[in-house]
């Protein structure tokens, strides 16, 4: 009994000192190993089990308590237990690991070496995907050669810094919640099109994912198949690593609410057009925010449980929570991170605040930004909400390995166009502004216009 009391006092003192000195010390593989009762948390019940075998040989049934592998359950094991005590959930993916799935072609190598976590991935998920190409996404999935390097001991700054590529899933698939598609108006307003909305077809599958022109498959929201693959009994599921080194979780019960709400101010903007080759214009002035555009959302710290980067502190550990509501995946990070490679880093000027870009009506974003009407003219100036210049219509890639912009035809930009009835030939498609080089390979005459292209046009131009 005296041993338990002494160890309890030490646990309290050392545990508090650990959290105050460096919350990132919690990020250790010890977490899963020290959850002796497998209840999803390294808690007091685990401590009592550990104290009951303290001083005994770490063999047989007691082997799981020998956390440092010394052969004896001693003070070295106790110190390791202290580093894990109170952590939310368990994970087998905090140390080095490899994933190989022959069925889906997944190849992931994660090496934790001191202060760095190096992730090599081919970006092929270890679960089923939708069909690509599809009506909203003309790109085929292909294996990539990607490398990311994140810190294992993150440094919390408290500042919300824009992150185009906020993290990587444990299965090696990148999280990239923003899009490159946008709408610019003749009156100066710019609107970034959201990925998860019902107006523009960007070709997402049932995993809230689609494919870049390079063939890179990536998530714009939470994949239920990812959660199911890495879930245990606890509510919080470790699903990824943020670029600043903090961990990314998903709450199966939806216990953590994001702090964003739809604006109640009508949008501004006339003579607007979506990015892409189509010149059909429409007006947004007077329309109500419904989540179609990033600037439809406003941060309100009093309505949810998470900060503007969808982060929170649990038991002294800062984590990011991926949610089923906006912003879905963090659009900014609170720790230090570096994006390397050609063209890497935040957009000019350090990037806008989360949900940035001019809000409805063209006013300044919360906490600053350009004055009303002071945004860049369509096609010029810094990109809206951190994306590529207007009219590119491509998908921006950013990560620690590279950064590039490609410009495929943006079918979403055709929304709101004239009726597609009667579109049967190549001439009809070209009359509506679809350049020949964007049509399927082999389309050289009127009779060669594929049924798939006609179907897309009919759906998107009605």
Protein backbone atom coordinates (compact mmCIF):
# COMPACT_ATOMS: atom_id res chain seq x y z
CA UNK A 1 0.00 0.00 0.00
CA UNK A 2 2.87 2.37 0.84
CA UNK A 3 4.41 1.73 -2.58
CA UNK A 4 1.15 2.68 -4.31
CA UNK A 5 0.85 5.91 -2.30
CA UNK A 6 4.43 6.93 -3.08
CA UNK A 7 3.99 6.15 -6.76
CA UNK A 8 0.67 8.05 -6.85
CA UNK A 9 2.35 11.16 -5.45
CA UNK A 10 5.19 10.80 -7.95
CA UNK A 11 2.71 10.36 -10.79
CA UNK A 12 0.93 13.59 -9.88
CA UNK A 13 4.14 15.61 -9.51
CA UNK A 14 5.93 14.21 -12.55
CA UNK A 15 2.80 14.28 -14.68
CA UNK A 16 2.14 17.96 -13.98
CA UNK A 17 5.78 18.83 -14.59
CA UNK A 18 5.73 16.93 -17.89
CA UNK A 19 2.68 18.77 -19.24
CA UNK A 20 3.85 22.19 -18.09
CA UNK A 21 7.33 21.73 -19.50
CA UNK A 22 6.47 20.20 -22.85
CA UNK A 23 3.02 18.96 -23.87
CA UNK A 24 4.60 17.40 -26.97
CA UNK A 25 6.32 14.85 -24.75
CA UNK A 26 2.98 13.06 -24.77
CA UNK A 27 3.50 11.97 -28.38
CA UNK A 28 5.12 8.61 -27.77
CA UNK A 29 4.48 5.05 -28.80
CA UNK A 30 4.18 4.28 -25.07
CA UNK A 31 0.55 5.41 -25.27
CA UNK A 32 -0.81 2.21 -26.78
CA UNK A 33 1.46 -0.05 -24.74
CA UNK A 34 0.54 1.57 -21.42
CA UNK A 35 -3.22 1.24 -21.99
CA UNK A 36 -3.16 -2.06 -20.12
CA UNK A 37 -6.95 -2.41 -19.79
CA UNK A 38 -7.58 -1.29 -23.44
CA UNK A 39 -10.28 1.18 -22.45
CA UNK A 40 -8.98 3.90 -24.79
CA UNK A 41 -7.13 5.95 -22.17
CA UNK A 42 -4.03 5.54 -20.02
CA UNK A 43 -5.76 6.22 -16.73
CA UNK A 44 -5.75 5.45 -13.01
CA UNK A 45 -6.97 1.88 -13.58
CA UNK A 46 -3.87 1.25 -15.67
CA UNK A 47 -1.76 2.80 -12.93
CA UNK A 48 -3.19 0.43 -10.31
CA UNK A 49 -2.43 -2.54 -12.56
CA UNK A 50 1.12 -1.27 -13.06
CA UNK A 51 1.67 -0.62 -9.34
CA UNK A 52 0.47 -4.13 -8.51
CA UNK A 53 3.37 -5.73 -10.40
CA UNK A 54 6.04 -3.09 -9.71
CA UNK A 55 9.39 -4.70 -8.88
CA UNK A 56 8.54 -8.04 -10.46
CA UNK A 57 10.24 -9.64 -13.47
CA UNK A 58 8.85 -8.46 -16.80
CA UNK A 59 8.18 -11.96 -18.13
CA UNK A 60 5.12 -14.03 -18.93
CA UNK A 61 1.87 -12.23 -18.22
CA UNK A 62 3.87 -9.32 -16.79
CA UNK A 63 5.77 -8.67 -20.03
CA UNK A 64 3.32 -5.96 -21.12
CA UNK A 65 4.25 -3.89 -18.04
CA UNK A 66 7.96 -3.92 -18.91
CA UNK A 67 7.71 -0.79 -21.05
CA UNK A 68 11.46 -0.26 -21.47
CA UNK A 69 12.25 -3.91 -22.15
CA UNK A 70 14.78 -4.15 -19.33
CA UNK A 71 13.43 -7.43 -18.00
CA UNK A 72 12.27 -5.90 -14.73
CA UNK A 73 9.26 -3.67 -13.99
CA UNK A 74 11.11 -0.81 -12.37
CA UNK A 75 11.43 2.95 -12.17
CA UNK A 76 12.40 3.19 -15.84
CA UNK A 77 9.06 1.68 -16.77
CA UNK A 78 7.31 4.03 -14.35
CA UNK A 79 8.83 7.07 -16.09
CA UNK A 80 7.59 5.78 -19.44
CA UNK A 81 4.15 5.26 -17.93
CA UNK A 82 4.16 8.87 -16.69
CA UNK A 83 4.73 10.16 -20.24
CA UNK A 84 1.63 8.28 -21.42
CA UNK A 85 -0.68 8.93 -18.47
CA UNK A 86 -3.88 10.81 -19.40
CA UNK A 87 -3.48 10.66 -23.18
CA UNK A 88 -6.71 10.54 -25.21
CA UNK A 89 -7.12 7.27 -27.01
CA UNK A 90 -4.53 4.81 -28.14
CA UNK A 91 -2.67 4.45 -31.39
CA UNK A 92 -0.25 1.97 -32.85
CA UNK A 93 1.03 4.60 -35.27
CA UNK A 94 3.04 6.98 -33.11
CA UNK A 95 6.33 5.21 -33.69
CA UNK A 96 7.92 3.96 -36.92
CA UNK A 97 5.67 1.71 -39.00
CA UNK A 98 5.06 0.43 -42.50
CA UNK A 99 1.84 -0.24 -44.39
CA UNK A 100 1.56 -2.40 -47.49
CA UNK A 101 -1.77 -3.43 -48.98
CA UNK A 102 -1.55 -5.63 -52.05
CA UNK A 103 -5.25 -5.27 -52.85
CA UNK A 104 -5.17 -1.47 -53.10
CA UNK A 105 -1.46 -0.94 -53.76
CA UNK A 106 -0.84 1.10 -50.61
CA UNK A 107 2.82 1.59 -49.68
CA UNK A 108 3.65 3.77 -46.67
CA UNK A 109 6.83 4.04 -44.61
CA UNK A 110 6.95 6.18 -41.48
CA UNK A 111 10.28 6.55 -39.70
CA UNK A 112 10.46 8.33 -36.35
CA UNK A 113 14.04 9.38 -35.72
CA UNK A 114 14.58 11.74 -32.83
CA UNK A 115 12.81 15.03 -33.51
CA UNK A 116 11.55 14.11 -36.98
CA UNK A 117 8.78 11.93 -38.41
CA UNK A 118 9.55 11.16 -42.07
CA UNK A 119 6.64 9.87 -44.14
CA UNK A 120 7.20 8.26 -47.53
CA UNK A 121 3.96 7.42 -49.31
CA UNK A 122 2.56 6.58 -52.72
CA UNK A 123 -0.73 8.26 -51.71
CA UNK A 124 -2.81 5.19 -52.60
CA UNK A 125 -5.42 4.57 -49.88
CA UNK A 126 -5.82 1.23 -48.15
CA UNK A 127 -9.55 1.15 -48.84
CA UNK A 128 -11.98 1.28 -51.74
CA UNK A 129 -12.39 4.48 -53.74
CA UNK A 130 -14.93 5.84 -56.17
CA UNK A 131 -14.51 5.66 -59.94
CA UNK A 132 -11.98 8.05 -61.46
CA UNK A 133 -12.14 9.73 -63.94
CA UNK A 134 -15.77 10.74 -63.40
CA UNK A 135 -18.15 13.46 -64.53
CA UNK A 136 -16.73 16.02 -62.13
CA UNK A 137 -13.08 14.95 -62.06
CA UNK A 138 -11.23 13.98 -65.26
CA UNK A 139 -8.16 12.58 -63.48
CA UNK A 140 -7.10 8.97 -62.90
CA UNK A 141 -5.56 7.77 -59.63
CA UNK A 142 -1.89 6.89 -59.87
CA UNK A 143 0.89 6.04 -57.43
CA UNK A 144 2.98 8.99 -56.26
CA UNK A 145 6.45 9.36 -54.79
CA UNK A 146 5.90 11.74 -51.87
CA UNK A 147 7.96 12.55 -48.80
CA UNK A 148 6.91 14.63 -45.82
CA UNK A 149 8.87 15.51 -42.70
CA UNK A 150 7.06 16.65 -39.57
CA UNK A 151 8.40 17.35 -36.06
CA UNK A 152 7.75 14.80 -33.32
CA UNK A 153 8.09 17.47 -30.65
CA UNK A 154 5.85 20.28 -31.91
CA UNK A 155 6.19 23.89 -30.82
CA UNK A 156 2.90 25.58 -30.00
CA UNK A 157 2.79 29.24 -31.10
CA UNK A 158 -0.87 30.04 -30.51
CA UNK A 159 -0.97 31.82 -33.87
CA UNK A 160 -3.30 30.55 -36.59
CA UNK A 161 -1.13 30.09 -39.69
CA UNK A 162 -2.73 29.19 -43.03
CA UNK A 163 -1.93 25.65 -44.20
CA UNK A 164 -2.82 24.52 -47.72
CA UNK A 165 -1.79 20.94 -46.83
CA UNK A 166 -2.40 20.66 -43.07
CA UNK A 167 -1.46 17.02 -42.66
CA UNK A 168 -1.25 13.39 -43.75
CA UNK A 169 -3.53 10.52 -42.81
CA UNK A 170 -2.00 7.52 -41.06
CA UNK A 171 -2.49 5.58 -44.33
CA UNK A 172 -0.35 8.10 -46.24
CA UNK A 173 -3.14 9.95 -48.05
CA UNK A 174 -2.80 13.77 -47.82
CA UNK A 175 -5.43 15.96 -46.18
CA UNK A 176 -6.09 19.00 -48.42
CA UNK A 177 -9.42 20.60 -47.49
CA UNK A 178 -9.29 23.69 -49.72
CA UNK A 179 -9.89 23.88 -53.47
CA UNK A 180 -8.44 25.79 -56.40
CA UNK A 181 -11.83 26.57 -57.92
CA UNK A 182 -13.13 30.09 -57.42
CA UNK A 183 -15.62 32.69 -58.58
CA UNK A 184 -14.61 36.26 -59.37
CA UNK A 185 -17.02 39.13 -59.94
CA UNK A 186 -16.75 42.23 -62.07
CA UNK A 187 -17.47 44.30 -58.96
CA UNK A 188 -14.32 42.99 -57.24
CA UNK A 189 -15.60 40.17 -55.04
CA UNK A 190 -13.79 36.84 -55.01
CA UNK A 191 -15.26 33.60 -53.68
CA UNK A 192 -13.40 30.36 -53.06
CA UNK A 193 -15.60 27.36 -53.93
CA UNK A 194 -15.87 24.88 -51.07
CA UNK A 195 -15.15 21.21 -51.72
CA UNK A 196 -18.10 19.73 -49.83
CA UNK A 197 -21.10 21.56 -51.27
CA UNK A 198 -23.97 20.75 -53.62
CA UNK A 199 -23.74 23.39 -56.34
CA UNK A 200 -20.52 22.57 -58.19
CA UNK A 201 -19.62 19.01 -59.11
CA UNK A 202 -15.94 18.51 -58.28
CA UNK A 203 -16.08 14.76 -58.64
CA UNK A 204 -15.75 13.60 -55.03
CA UNK A 205 -16.23 9.97 -54.07
CA UNK A 206 -17.80 8.46 -50.95
CA UNK A 207 -14.56 9.15 -49.04
CA UNK A 208 -14.87 12.93 -49.56
CA UNK A 209 -11.82 12.60 -51.79
CA UNK A 210 -10.87 13.10 -55.42
CA UNK A 211 -7.80 13.21 -57.66
CA UNK A 212 -5.44 15.96 -58.75
CA UNK A 213 -4.14 16.21 -62.33
CA UNK A 214 -0.93 14.54 -61.13
CA UNK A 215 -2.94 11.48 -60.11
CA UNK A 216 -2.68 12.21 -56.38
CA UNK A 217 -5.67 10.98 -54.39
CA UNK A 218 -6.39 13.25 -51.38
CA UNK A 219 -9.04 13.85 -48.73
CA UNK A 220 -11.12 17.04 -48.49
CA UNK A 221 -13.15 15.70 -45.57
CA UNK A 222 -13.33 12.71 -43.28
CA UNK A 223 -13.41 9.27 -44.87
CA UNK A 224 -15.62 6.88 -42.94
CA UNK A 225 -13.58 4.01 -44.36
CA UNK A 226 -10.41 5.54 -42.90
CA UNK A 227 -12.10 5.82 -39.50
CA UNK A 228 -13.34 2.24 -39.62
CA UNK A 229 -9.91 0.93 -40.59
CA UNK A 230 -8.10 2.58 -37.67
CA UNK A 231 -10.83 2.67 -35.05
CA UNK A 232 -10.76 0.92 -31.70
CA UNK A 233 -13.28 0.95 -28.86
CA UNK A 234 -12.58 4.53 -27.78
CA UNK A 235 -14.40 7.55 -29.22
CA UNK A 236 -11.31 9.41 -30.44
CA UNK A 237 -9.62 7.79 -33.42
CA UNK A 238 -6.08 8.77 -34.36
CA UNK A 239 -6.38 9.40 -38.11
CA UNK A 240 -3.37 11.54 -39.04
CA UNK A 241 -0.38 13.75 -38.42
CA UNK A 242 -0.53 17.54 -38.80
CA UNK A 243 2.31 19.33 -40.55
CA UNK A 244 3.27 21.04 -37.29
CA UNK A 245 3.65 17.69 -35.53
CA UNK A 246 0.44 17.59 -33.52
CA UNK A 247 -1.89 14.63 -33.93
CA UNK A 248 -5.19 14.61 -35.81
CA UNK A 249 -8.21 12.79 -34.38
CA UNK A 250 -11.82 12.08 -35.32
CA UNK A 251 -14.57 11.79 -32.72
CA UNK A 252 -16.99 9.00 -33.62
CA UNK A 253 -19.66 10.51 -31.39
CA UNK A 254 -19.21 14.04 -32.71
CA UNK A 255 -18.31 15.17 -29.21
CA UNK A 256 -16.30 18.17 -30.42
CA UNK A 257 -18.22 20.89 -32.25
CA UNK A 258 -16.49 23.25 -34.70
CA UNK A 259 -16.85 26.98 -34.02
CA UNK A 260 -18.00 28.17 -37.43
CA UNK A 261 -21.45 29.42 -38.40
CA UNK A 262 -23.00 30.58 -41.65
CA UNK A 263 -22.98 34.31 -42.16
CA UNK A 264 -26.34 36.07 -42.05
CA UNK A 265 -25.21 38.80 -44.46
CA UNK A 266 -26.23 38.44 -48.09
CA UNK A 267 -23.46 38.00 -50.63
CA UNK A 268 -22.39 40.77 -52.96
CA UNK A 269 -21.13 40.55 -56.51
CA UNK A 270 -22.45 41.02 -60.02
CA UNK A 271 -21.13 39.88 -63.38
CA UNK A 272 -19.49 36.87 -61.73
CA UNK A 273 -17.87 33.87 -63.38
CA UNK A 274 -16.38 30.62 -62.12
CA UNK A 275 -12.78 29.78 -62.91
CA UNK A 276 -12.34 27.93 -66.17
CA UNK A 277 -12.77 28.70 -69.87
CA UNK A 278 -16.51 29.39 -69.77
CA UNK A 279 -17.40 33.10 -69.92
CA UNK A 280 -21.03 32.80 -68.81
CA UNK A 281 -21.69 35.35 -66.09
CA UNK A 282 -24.13 35.34 -63.20
CA UNK A 283 -24.91 37.49 -60.18
CA UNK A 284 -24.40 36.55 -56.53
CA UNK A 285 -25.62 39.85 -55.08
CA UNK A 286 -28.43 39.31 -52.62
CA UNK A 287 -28.00 35.53 -52.34
CA UNK A 288 -27.78 33.94 -48.90
CA UNK A 289 -24.69 32.12 -47.64
CA UNK A 290 -25.28 28.37 -47.65
CA UNK A 291 -21.77 26.93 -47.43
CA UNK A 292 -21.06 26.85 -51.16
CA UNK A 293 -18.20 29.31 -50.73
CA UNK A 294 -15.57 29.43 -48.00
CA UNK A 295 -16.48 33.02 -47.15
CA UNK A 296 -20.03 31.88 -46.34
CA UNK A 297 -18.58 30.72 -43.02
CA UNK A 298 -17.58 32.85 -40.05
CA UNK A 299 -15.63 31.87 -36.95
CA UNK A 300 -17.48 32.35 -33.66
CA UNK A 301 -15.56 31.12 -30.63
CA UNK A 302 -18.67 30.95 -28.45
CA UNK A 303 -20.63 28.39 -30.47
CA UNK A 304 -18.32 25.37 -30.46
CA UNK A 305 -15.64 23.43 -28.64
CA UNK A 306 -12.77 23.95 -31.09
CA UNK A 307 -10.59 26.92 -31.99
CA UNK A 308 -10.34 28.49 -35.46
CA UNK A 309 -7.95 25.72 -36.55
CA UNK A 310 -10.32 22.98 -35.31
CA UNK A 311 -7.95 22.30 -32.45
CA UNK A 312 -8.35 21.87 -28.72
CA UNK A 313 -6.41 20.76 -25.66
CA UNK A 314 -7.26 17.39 -24.13
CA UNK A 315 -5.51 16.38 -20.91
CA UNK A 316 -2.75 18.89 -21.55
CA UNK A 317 -2.21 17.76 -25.15
CA UNK A 318 -3.09 20.03 -28.10
CA UNK A 319 -4.73 18.08 -30.92
CA UNK A 320 -6.69 18.74 -34.10
CA UNK A 321 -10.16 17.27 -34.53
CA UNK A 322 -11.52 16.45 -37.98
CA UNK A 323 -15.25 17.15 -37.96
CA UNK A 324 -18.28 16.40 -40.11
CA UNK A 325 -19.07 20.13 -40.30
CA UNK A 326 -17.07 23.07 -41.62
CA UNK A 327 -14.07 23.47 -41.63
CA UNK A 328 -14.01 19.63 -41.72
CA UNK A 329 -10.18 19.53 -41.74
CA UNK A 330 -8.00 22.26 -40.25
CA UNK A 331 -7.37 25.17 -42.62
CA UNK A 332 -4.67 26.57 -40.34
CA UNK A 333 -2.21 25.28 -37.75
CA UNK A 334 -1.23 26.55 -34.30
CA UNK A 335 2.28 25.07 -34.19
CA UNK A 336 5.47 25.84 -36.07
CA UNK A 337 5.78 24.15 -39.44
CA UNK A 338 7.82 24.54 -42.59
CA UNK A 339 6.67 23.86 -46.14
CA UNK A 340 9.68 23.16 -48.32
CA UNK A 341 10.08 22.60 -52.04
CA UNK A 342 9.66 24.85 -55.09
CA UNK A 343 6.93 27.36 -54.52
CA UNK A 344 6.09 26.00 -51.09
CA UNK A 345 4.79 27.98 -48.18
CA UNK A 346 1.74 30.13 -47.58
CA UNK A 347 0.24 32.43 -50.20
CA UNK A 348 1.59 35.98 -50.64
CA UNK A 349 1.35 38.07 -47.53
CA UNK A 350 1.30 35.07 -45.22
CA UNK A 351 -2.18 33.92 -46.22
CA UNK A 352 -5.58 34.96 -44.96
CA UNK A 353 -7.10 33.92 -41.66
CA UNK A 354 -9.08 30.67 -41.60
CA UNK A 355 -12.08 30.91 -43.88
CA UNK A 356 -10.39 33.92 -45.40
CA UNK A 357 -11.11 35.86 -48.50
CA UNK A 358 -13.61 38.70 -48.59
CA UNK A 359 -16.78 37.80 -46.69
CA UNK A 360 -20.22 38.17 -48.21
CA UNK A 361 -20.70 41.71 -49.42
CA UNK A 362 -17.01 42.25 -50.05
CA UNK A 363 -16.13 43.53 -46.57
CA UNK A 364 -12.94 42.69 -44.70
CA UNK A 365 -12.52 39.24 -43.21
CA UNK A 366 -12.79 38.98 -39.43
CA UNK A 367 -9.77 40.52 -37.80
CA UNK A 368 -8.51 42.43 -40.79
CA UNK A 369 -8.15 42.21 -44.52
CA UNK A 370 -8.74 44.67 -47.35
CA UNK A 371 -11.42 47.33 -47.07
CA UNK A 372 -14.77 46.84 -48.86
CA UNK A 373 -14.29 46.95 -52.59
CA UNK A 374 -10.54 46.88 -52.12
CA UNK A 375 -9.95 43.34 -53.26
CA UNK A 376 -7.93 42.53 -56.34
CA UNK A 377 -9.64 42.74 -59.70
CA UNK A 378 -10.65 39.46 -61.32
CA UNK A 379 -7.60 37.66 -62.65
CA UNK A 380 -5.07 39.74 -60.76
CA UNK A 381 -3.55 40.35 -57.37
CA UNK A 382 -3.14 37.73 -54.66
CA UNK A 383 -5.40 34.69 -55.01
CA UNK A 384 -8.64 34.59 -53.01
CA UNK A 385 -8.46 32.57 -49.81
CA UNK A 386 -5.01 31.22 -50.50
CA UNK A 387 -5.65 29.52 -53.83
CA UNK A 388 -4.05 29.94 -57.25
CA UNK A 389 -4.70 33.05 -59.39
CA UNK A 390 -8.21 33.33 -60.74
CA UNK A 391 -8.81 31.60 -64.01
CA UNK A 392 -6.24 28.85 -63.42
CA UNK A 393 -8.98 26.36 -62.61
CA UNK A 394 -6.35 23.86 -61.55
CA UNK A 395 -5.60 22.07 -58.32
CA UNK A 396 -2.83 23.46 -56.18
CA UNK A 397 -0.45 20.97 -54.68
CA UNK A 398 1.51 21.90 -51.63
CA UNK A 399 3.52 19.76 -49.31
CA UNK A 400 7.02 19.33 -48.03
CA UNK A 401 7.97 17.73 -51.32
CA UNK A 402 6.72 20.06 -54.05
CA UNK A 403 4.28 22.71 -55.13
CA UNK A 404 2.76 23.03 -58.54
CA UNK A 405 -0.31 24.32 -60.32
CA UNK A 406 -2.01 22.50 -63.14
CA UNK A 407 -4.93 23.69 -65.23
CA UNK A 408 -7.39 21.00 -66.31
CA UNK A 409 -10.76 21.96 -67.68
CA UNK A 410 -12.99 22.99 -64.79
CA UNK A 411 -16.41 21.46 -65.38
CA UNK A 412 -17.72 23.32 -62.33
CA UNK A 413 -17.08 26.56 -64.18
CA UNK A 414 -19.78 25.56 -66.67
CA UNK A 415 -22.54 25.74 -64.06
CA UNK A 416 -25.17 28.30 -64.88
CA UNK A 417 -24.49 28.22 -68.62
CA UNK A 418 -27.01 27.98 -71.45
CA UNK A 419 -29.15 24.94 -72.12
CA UNK A 420 -27.30 21.91 -73.40
CA UNK A 421 -30.23 20.60 -75.41
CA UNK A 422 -29.16 19.85 -78.94
CA UNK A 423 -25.45 19.39 -78.09
CA UNK A 424 -24.54 16.48 -80.32
CA UNK A 425 -21.39 17.50 -82.18
CA UNK A 426 -17.89 18.83 -81.70
CA UNK A 427 -19.02 22.14 -83.19
CA UNK A 428 -21.75 22.42 -80.56
CA UNK A 429 -19.24 21.88 -77.75
CA UNK A 430 -16.80 24.41 -79.19
CA UNK A 431 -19.62 26.91 -79.67
CA UNK A 432 -20.23 26.70 -75.93
CA UNK A 433 -16.61 27.45 -75.10
CA UNK A 434 -15.06 24.01 -74.60
CA UNK A 435 -11.62 24.07 -76.29
CA UNK A 436 -10.76 21.10 -78.47
CA UNK A 437 -7.67 20.13 -76.49
CA UNK A 438 -9.82 19.61 -73.41
CA UNK A 439 -12.04 17.04 -75.12
CA UNK A 440 -11.29 13.31 -74.89
CA UNK A 441 -8.27 12.09 -76.81
CA UNK A 442 -9.18 11.03 -80.32
CA UNK A 443 -12.03 13.51 -80.74
CA UNK A 444 -11.25 14.83 -84.21
CA UNK A 445 -14.62 15.12 -85.89
CA UNK A 446 -18.26 15.82 -85.10
CA UNK A 447 -19.10 12.13 -84.92
CA UNK A 448 -16.27 11.44 -82.44
CA UNK A 449 -17.62 13.55 -79.56
CA UNK A 450 -17.96 10.98 -76.80
CA UNK A 451 -21.24 10.28 -75.05
CA UNK A 452 -19.47 10.94 -71.75
CA UNK A 453 -18.53 14.49 -72.74
CA UNK A 454 -22.04 15.17 -74.03
CA UNK A 455 -23.48 13.85 -70.79
CA UNK A 456 -21.26 16.11 -68.71
CA UNK A 457 -22.20 19.14 -70.77
CA UNK A 458 -25.90 18.38 -70.57
CA UNK A 459 -25.71 17.97 -66.81
CA UNK A 460 -23.57 21.01 -66.15
CA UNK A 461 -24.97 23.51 -68.66
CA UNK A 462 -28.67 23.10 -68.06
